[in-house]
All heavy atoms as atom14 arrays in JSON, in Angstrom:
{
  "sequence": "RQQAKLLAERLRNGPWESIVTSTLTRARETAEI",
  "atom14_mask": [
    [1, 1, 1, 1, 1, 1, 1, 1, 1, 1, 1, 0, 0, 0],
    [1, 1, 1, 1, 1, 1, 1, 1, 1, 0, 0, 0, 0, 0],
    [1, 1, 1, 1, 1, 1, 1, 1, 1, 0, 0, 0, 0, 0],
    [1, 1, 1, 1, 1, 0, 0, 0, 0, 0, 0, 0, 0, 0],
    [1, 1, 1, 1, 1, 1, 1, 1, 1, 0, 0, 0, 0, 0],
    [1, 1, 1, 1, 1, 1, 1, 1, 0, 0, 0, 0, 0, 0],
    [1, 1, 1, 1, 1, 1, 1, 1, 0, 0, 0, 0, 0, 0],
    [1, 1, 1, 1, 1, 0, 0, 0, 0, 0, 0, 0, 0, 0],
    [1, 1, 1, 1, 1, 1, 1, 1, 1, 0, 0, 0, 0, 0],
    [1, 1, 1, 1, 1, 1, 1, 1, 1, 1, 1, 0, 0, 0],
    [1, 1, 1, 1, 1, 1, 1, 1, 0, 0, 0, 0, 0, 0],
    [1, 1, 1, 1, 1, 1, 1, 1, 1, 1, 1, 0, 0, 0],
    [1, 1, 1, 1, 1, 1, 1, 1, 0, 0, 0, 0, 0, 0],
    [1, 1, 1, 1, 0, 0, 0, 0, 0, 0, 0, 0, 0, 0],
    [1, 1, 1, 1, 1, 1, 1, 0, 0, 0, 0, 0, 0, 0],
    [1, 1, 1, 1, 1, 1, 1, 1, 1, 1, 1, 1, 1, 1],
    [1, 1, 1, 1, 1, 1, 1, 1, 1, 0, 0, 0, 0, 0],
    [1, 1, 1, 1, 1, 1, 0, 0, 0, 0, 0, 0, 0, 0],
    [1, 1, 1, 1, 1, 1, 1, 1, 0, 0, 0, 0, 0, 0],
    [1, 1, 1, 1, 1, 1, 1, 0, 0, 0, 0, 0, 0, 0],
    [1, 1, 1, 1, 1, 1, 1, 0, 0, 0, 0, 0, 0, 0],
    [1, 1, 1, 1, 1, 1, 0, 0, 0, 0, 0, 0, 0, 0],
    [1, 1, 1, 1, 1, 1, 1, 0, 0, 0, 0, 0, 0, 0],
    [1, 1, 1, 1, 1, 1, 1, 1, 0, 0, 0, 0, 0, 0],
    [1, 1, 1, 1, 1, 1, 1, 0, 0, 0, 0, 0, 0, 0],
    [1, 1, 1, 1, 1, 1, 1, 1, 1, 1, 1, 0, 0, 0],
    [1, 1, 1, 1, 1, 0, 0, 0, 0, 0, 0, 0, 0, 0],
    [1, 1, 1, 1, 1, 1, 1, 1, 1, 1, 1, 0, 0, 0],
    [1, 1, 1, 1, 1, 1, 1, 1, 1, 0, 0, 0, 0, 0],
    [1, 1, 1, 1, 1, 1, 1, 0, 0, 0, 0, 0, 0, 0],
    [1, 1, 1, 1, 1, 0, 0, 0, 0, 0, 0, 0, 0, 0],
    [1, 1, 1, 1, 1, 1, 1, 1, 1, 0, 0, 0, 0, 0],
    [1, 1, 1, 1, 1, 1, 1, 1, 0, 0, 0, 0, 0, 0]
  ],
  "atom14_positions": [
    [[2.15, 9.74, -2.87], [2.55, 8.58, -3.73], [3.94, 8.11, -3.36], [4.23, 6.9, -3.26], [2.41, 8.93, -5.2], [0.94, 9.01, -5.63], [0.81, 9.15, -7.14], [1.14, 10.5, -7.6], [0.31, 11.55, -7.51], [-0.92, 11.4, -6.99], [0.68, 12.72, -7.94], [0.0, 0.0, 0.0], [0.0, 0.0, 0.0], [0.0, 0.0, 0.0]],
    [[4.83, 9.05, -3.06], [6.2, 8.69, -2.67], [6.18, 8.0, -1.29], [6.89, 7.06, -1.08], [7.11, 9.93, -2.62], [8.54, 9.67, -2.25], [9.26, 8.74, -3.25], [8.89, 8.63, -4.42], [10.27, 8.07, -2.75], [0.0, 0.0, 0.0], [0.0, 0.0, 0.0], [0.0, 0.0, 0.0], [0.0, 0.0, 0.0], [0.0, 0.0, 0.0]],
    [[5.34, 8.51, -0.38], [5.23, 7.88, 0.92], [4.77, 6.42, 0.79], [5.31, 5.54, 1.5], [4.18, 8.62, 1.8], [4.68, 10.0, 2.28], [3.57, 10.81, 2.94], [2.37, 10.6, 2.65], [3.95, 11.7, 3.8], [0.0, 0.0, 0.0], [0.0, 0.0, 0.0], [0.0, 0.0, 0.0], [0.0, 0.0, 0.0], [0.0, 0.0, 0.0]],
    [[3.82, 6.15, -0.08], [3.35, 4.79, -0.29], [4.48, 3.9, -0.84], [4.65, 2.75, -0.36], [2.16, 4.76, -1.25], [0.0, 0.0, 0.0], [0.0, 0.0, 0.0], [0.0, 0.0, 0.0], [0.0, 0.0, 0.0], [0.0, 0.0, 0.0], [0.0, 0.0, 0.0], [0.0, 0.0, 0.0], [0.0, 0.0, 0.0], [0.0, 0.0, 0.0]],
    [[5.28, 4.41, -1.74], [6.42, 3.63, -2.27], [7.43, 3.35, -1.16], [7.97, 2.23, -1.06], [7.09, 4.36, -3.43], [6.28, 4.35, -4.68], [6.99, 5.06, -5.81], [6.09, 5.07, -7.08], [6.75, 5.76, -8.18], [0.0, 0.0, 0.0], [0.0, 0.0, 0.0], [0.0, 0.0, 0.0], [0.0, 0.0, 0.0], [0.0, 0.0, 0.0]],
    [[7.71, 4.34, -0.34], [8.66, 4.14, 0.74], [8.15, 3.16, 1.77], [8.93, 2.33, 2.29], [8.98, 5.5, 1.45], [9.8, 6.47, 0.59], [9.86, 7.84, 1.28], [11.21, 5.93, 0.35], [0.0, 0.0, 0.0], [0.0, 0.0, 0.0], [0.0, 0.0, 0.0], [0.0, 0.0, 0.0], [0.0, 0.0, 0.0], [0.0, 0.0, 0.0]],
    [[6.89, 3.2, 2.03], [6.3, 2.23, 3.0], [6.38, 0.82, 2.43], [6.68, -0.14, 3.11], [4.84, 2.61, 3.3], [4.15, 1.63, 4.26], [4.92, 1.54, 5.6], [2.72, 2.08, 4.51], [0.0, 0.0, 0.0], [0.0, 0.0, 0.0], [0.0, 0.0, 0.0], [0.0, 0.0, 0.0], [0.0, 0.0, 0.0], [0.0, 0.0, 0.0]],
    [[6.14, 0.69, 1.14], [6.25, -0.62, 0.5], [7.64, -1.22, 0.7], [7.82, -2.4, 0.95], [5.87, -0.53, -0.97], [0.0, 0.0, 0.0], [0.0, 0.0, 0.0], [0.0, 0.0, 0.0], [0.0, 0.0, 0.0], [0.0, 0.0, 0.0], [0.0, 0.0, 0.0], [0.0, 0.0, 0.0], [0.0, 0.0, 0.0], [0.0, 0.0, 0.0]],
    [[8.65, -0.34, 0.58], [10.03, -0.8, 0.8], [10.19, -1.35, 2.23], [10.83, -2.4, 2.43], [11.0, 0.31, 0.6], [11.18, 0.7, -0.86], [12.17, 1.88, -1.05], [13.04, 2.07, -0.17], [12.04, 2.51, -2.07], [0.0, 0.0, 0.0], [0.0, 0.0, 0.0], [0.0, 0.0, 0.0], [0.0, 0.0, 0.0], [0.0, 0.0, 0.0]],
    [[9.6, -0.73, 3.2], [9.63, -1.21, 4.62], [8.9, -2.49, 4.82], [9.23, -3.26, 5.69], [9.15, -0.13, 5.56], [10.04, 1.11, 5.61], [9.6, 2.11, 6.63], [9.73, 1.52, 7.97], [9.27, 2.05, 9.04], [8.63, 3.2, 9.0], [9.46, 1.53, 10.24], [0.0, 0.0, 0.0], [0.0, 0.0, 0.0], [0.0, 0.0, 0.0]],
    [[7.87, -2.69, 4.05], [7.0, -3.88, 4.19], [7.49, -5.05, 3.32], [6.91, -6.12, 3.39], [5.56, -3.53, 3.8], [4.86, -2.48, 4.65], [3.5, -2.17, 4.05], [4.74, -2.99, 6.09], [0.0, 0.0, 0.0], [0.0, 0.0, 0.0], [0.0, 0.0, 0.0], [0.0, 0.0, 0.0], [0.0, 0.0, 0.0], [0.0, 0.0, 0.0]],
    [[8.52, -4.86, 2.56], [8.94, -5.84, 1.57], [9.15, -7.24, 2.09], [8.86, -8.2, 1.44], [10.21, -5.35, 0.87], [10.53, -6.17, -0.37], [11.39, -5.5, -1.37], [11.03, -4.19, -1.82], [10.09, -3.89, -2.74], [9.4, -4.85, -3.25], [9.84, -2.65, -3.07], [0.0, 0.0, 0.0], [0.0, 0.0, 0.0], [0.0, 0.0, 0.0]],
    [[9.57, -7.38, 3.3], [9.89, -8.69, 3.85], [8.68, -9.41, 4.5], [8.79, -10.52, 5.01], [11.03, -8.65, 4.85], [12.31, -8.28, 4.15], [12.57, -8.67, 3.02], [13.14, -7.48, 4.84], [0.0, 0.0, 0.0], [0.0, 0.0, 0.0], [0.0, 0.0, 0.0], [0.0, 0.0, 0.0], [0.0, 0.0, 0.0], [0.0, 0.0, 0.0]],
    [[7.55, -8.75, 4.5], [6.36, -9.35, 5.14], [5.7, -10.41, 4.28], [5.93, -10.45, 3.06], [0.0, 0.0, 0.0], [0.0, 0.0, 0.0], [0.0, 0.0, 0.0], [0.0, 0.0, 0.0], [0.0, 0.0, 0.0], [0.0, 0.0, 0.0], [0.0, 0.0, 0.0], [0.0, 0.0, 0.0], [0.0, 0.0, 0.0], [0.0, 0.0, 0.0]],
    [[4.89, -11.22, 4.9], [4.18, -12.29, 4.19], [2.81, -11.79, 3.65], [1.79, -12.32, 4.04], [4.01, -13.35, 5.27], [3.84, -12.55, 6.52], [4.74, -11.37, 6.34], [0.0, 0.0, 0.0], [0.0, 0.0, 0.0], [0.0, 0.0, 0.0], [0.0, 0.0, 0.0], [0.0, 0.0, 0.0], [0.0, 0.0, 0.0], [0.0, 0.0, 0.0]],
    [[2.81, -10.76, 2.86], [1.53, -10.11, 2.42], [0.88, -10.91, 1.31], [1.48, -11.12, 0.27], [1.79, -8.69, 2.03], [2.59, -7.94, 3.05], [3.86, -7.47, 2.92], [2.21, -7.64, 4.4], [4.31, -6.93, 4.07], [3.31, -6.97, 4.99], [1.07, -7.87, 5.15], [3.3, -6.53, 6.32], [1.05, -7.44, 6.47], [2.14, -6.79, 7.04]],
    [[-0.38, -11.29, 1.52], [-1.12, -12.01, 0.52], [-2.18, -11.19, -0.14], [-2.53, -11.4, -1.3], [-1.78, -13.24, 1.14], [-0.78, -14.24, 1.69], [-1.42, -15.4, 2.4], [-2.64, -15.58, 2.24], [-0.71, -16.12, 3.1], [0.0, 0.0, 0.0], [0.0, 0.0, 0.0], [0.0, 0.0, 0.0], [0.0, 0.0, 0.0], [0.0, 0.0, 0.0]],
    [[-2.76, -10.24, 0.63], [-3.78, -9.39, 0.08], [-3.82, -8.06, 0.83], [-3.23, -7.94, 1.88], [-5.18, -10.06, 0.11], [-5.53, -10.32, 1.46], [0.0, 0.0, 0.0], [0.0, 0.0, 0.0], [0.0, 0.0, 0.0], [0.0, 0.0, 0.0], [0.0, 0.0, 0.0], [0.0, 0.0, 0.0], [0.0, 0.0, 0.0], [0.0, 0.0, 0.0]],
    [[-4.46, -7.08, 0.19], [-4.61, -5.78, 0.81], [-6.09, -5.4, 0.75], [-6.69, -5.57, -0.33], [-3.78, -4.71, 0.05], [-2.28, -5.07, 0.17], [-4.05, -3.31, 0.55], [-1.37, -4.15, -0.62], [0.0, 0.0, 0.0], [0.0, 0.0, 0.0], [0.0, 0.0, 0.0], [0.0, 0.0, 0.0], [0.0, 0.0, 0.0], [0.0, 0.0, 0.0]],
    [[-6.6, -4.93, 1.85], [-7.97, -4.47, 1.89], [-7.92, -2.96, 2.05], [-7.17, -2.4, 2.88], [-8.76, -5.08, 3.1], [-10.18, -4.54, 3.14], [-8.73, -6.57, 3.0], [0.0, 0.0, 0.0], [0.0, 0.0, 0.0], [0.0, 0.0, 0.0], [0.0, 0.0, 0.0], [0.0, 0.0, 0.0], [0.0, 0.0, 0.0], [0.0, 0.0, 0.0]],
    [[-8.69, -2.24, 1.23], [-8.63, -0.79, 1.23], [-10.01, -0.21, 1.16], [-10.95, -0.8, 0.66], [-7.77, -0.26, 0.02], [-7.76, 1.13, 0.04], [-8.38, -0.75, -1.32], [0.0, 0.0, 0.0], [0.0, 0.0, 0.0], [0.0, 0.0, 0.0], [0.0, 0.0, 0.0], [0.0, 0.0, 0.0], [0.0, 0.0, 0.0], [0.0, 0.0, 0.0]],
    [[-10.11, 1.0, 1.61], [-11.31, 1.8, 1.46], [-11.55, 2.02, -0.02], [-10.62, 1.94, -0.83], [-11.12, 3.12, 2.21], [-11.98, 4.13, 1.75], [0.0, 0.0, 0.0], [0.0, 0.0, 0.0], [0.0, 0.0, 0.0], [0.0, 0.0, 0.0], [0.0, 0.0, 0.0], [0.0, 0.0, 0.0], [0.0, 0.0, 0.0], [0.0, 0.0, 0.0]],
    [[-12.73, 2.45, -0.36], [-13.03, 2.81, -1.78], [-12.64, 4.25, -2.08], [-12.72, 4.62, -3.26], [-14.57, 2.64, -2.01], [-15.28, 3.46, -1.11], [-14.97, 1.17, -1.89], [0.0, 0.0, 0.0], [0.0, 0.0, 0.0], [0.0, 0.0, 0.0], [0.0, 0.0, 0.0], [0.0, 0.0, 0.0], [0.0, 0.0, 0.0], [0.0, 0.0, 0.0]],
    [[-12.28, 5.02, -1.11], [-11.87, 6.4, -1.36], [-10.51, 6.42, -2.12], [-9.62, 5.61, -1.85], [-11.73, 7.18, -0.09], [-13.04, 7.45, 0.65], [-12.82, 8.04, 2.0], [-14.0, 8.3, -0.15], [0.0, 0.0, 0.0], [0.0, 0.0, 0.0], [0.0, 0.0, 0.0], [0.0, 0.0, 0.0], [0.0, 0.0, 0.0], [0.0, 0.0, 0.0]],
    [[-10.4, 7.33, -3.07], [-9.27, 7.37, -3.95], [-7.92, 7.41, -3.22], [-6.99, 6.7, -3.59], [-9.37, 8.59, -4.91], [-10.57, 8.49, -5.67], [-8.2, 8.68, -5.86], [0.0, 0.0, 0.0], [0.0, 0.0, 0.0], [0.0, 0.0, 0.0], [0.0, 0.0, 0.0], [0.0, 0.0, 0.0], [0.0, 0.0, 0.0], [0.0, 0.0, 0.0]],
    [[-7.8, 8.24, -2.19], [-6.53, 8.36, -1.48], [-6.1, 7.03, -0.88], [-4.9, 6.67, -0.88], [-6.56, 9.47, -0.45], [-7.64, 9.3, 0.61], [-7.74, 10.56, 1.52], [-8.82, 10.5, 2.42], [-10.07, 10.92, 2.19], [-10.4, 11.44, 1.02], [-10.97, 10.87, 3.15], [0.0, 0.0, 0.0], [0.0, 0.0, 0.0], [0.0, 0.0, 0.0]],
    [[-7.06, 6.28, -0.31], [-6.71, 4.98, 0.3], [-6.45, 3.94, -0.8], [-5.49, 3.16, -0.71], [-7.87, 4.55, 1.21], [0.0, 0.0, 0.0], [0.0, 0.0, 0.0], [0.0, 0.0, 0.0], [0.0, 0.0, 0.0], [0.0, 0.0, 0.0], [0.0, 0.0, 0.0], [0.0, 0.0, 0.0], [0.0, 0.0, 0.0], [0.0, 0.0, 0.0]],
    [[-7.29, 3.97, -1.82], [-7.11, 2.98, -2.93], [-5.76, 3.19, -3.64], [-5.08, 2.24, -3.94], [-8.31, 3.11, -3.87], [-8.42, 1.96, -4.83], [-9.64, 2.11, -5.71], [-9.47, 3.21, -6.67], [-10.22, 4.34, -6.61], [-11.13, 4.52, -5.72], [-9.99, 5.31, -7.5], [0.0, 0.0, 0.0], [0.0, 0.0, 0.0], [0.0, 0.0, 0.0]],
    [[-5.42, 4.46, -3.89], [-4.12, 4.73, -4.53], [-2.97, 4.2, -3.67], [-2.02, 3.64, -4.18], [-3.94, 6.22, -4.72], [-4.56, 6.84, -5.95], [-4.17, 8.29, -6.12], [-4.68, 9.16, -5.38], [-3.28, 8.58, -6.95], [0.0, 0.0, 0.0], [0.0, 0.0, 0.0], [0.0, 0.0, 0.0], [0.0, 0.0, 0.0], [0.0, 0.0, 0.0]],
    [[-3.04, 4.49, -2.39], [-2.01, 4.02, -1.49], [-1.87, 2.49, -1.53], [-0.78, 1.97, -1.68], [-2.29, 4.5, -0.01], [-2.38, 5.89, 0.01], [-1.2, 4.02, 0.92], [0.0, 0.0, 0.0], [0.0, 0.0, 0.0], [0.0, 0.0, 0.0], [0.0, 0.0, 0.0], [0.0, 0.0, 0.0], [0.0, 0.0, 0.0], [0.0, 0.0, 0.0]],
    [[-3.0, 1.83, -1.46], [-3.03, 0.38, -1.49], [-2.5, -0.16, -2.83], [-1.72, -1.13, -2.84], [-4.46, -0.13, -1.26], [0.0, 0.0, 0.0], [0.0, 0.0, 0.0], [0.0, 0.0, 0.0], [0.0, 0.0, 0.0], [0.0, 0.0, 0.0], [0.0, 0.0, 0.0], [0.0, 0.0, 0.0], [0.0, 0.0, 0.0], [0.0, 0.0, 0.0]],
    [[-2.9, 0.44, -3.9], [-2.46, -0.03, -5.21], [-0.96, 0.18, -5.45], [-0.28, -0.69, -6.02], [-3.24, 0.65, -6.36], [-4.72, 0.19, -6.39], [-5.59, 1.0, -7.3], [-5.16, 2.07, -7.78], [-6.75, 0.57, -7.47], [0.0, 0.0, 0.0], [0.0, 0.0, 0.0], [0.0, 0.0, 0.0], [0.0, 0.0, 0.0], [0.0, 0.0, 0.0]],
    [[-0.4, 1.26, -4.94], [1.04, 1.49, -5.04], [1.78, 0.41, -4.23], [2.71, -0.2, -4.71], [1.41, 2.93, -4.58], [0.88, 3.95, -5.62], [2.92, 3.04, -4.39], [0.93, 5.39, -5.11], [0.0, 0.0, 0.0], [0.0, 0.0, 0.0], [0.0, 0.0, 0.0], [0.0, 0.0, 0.0], [0.0, 0.0, 0.0], [0.0, 0.0, 0.0]]
  ]
}
């Protein structure tokens, strides 16, 4: 969960409109964070 938060910080300047994720919990949690 901390890794996902840190990655979000690195992605902060991107033009992100949507996120596509697997239905598996580990991928979904990462995407939601």
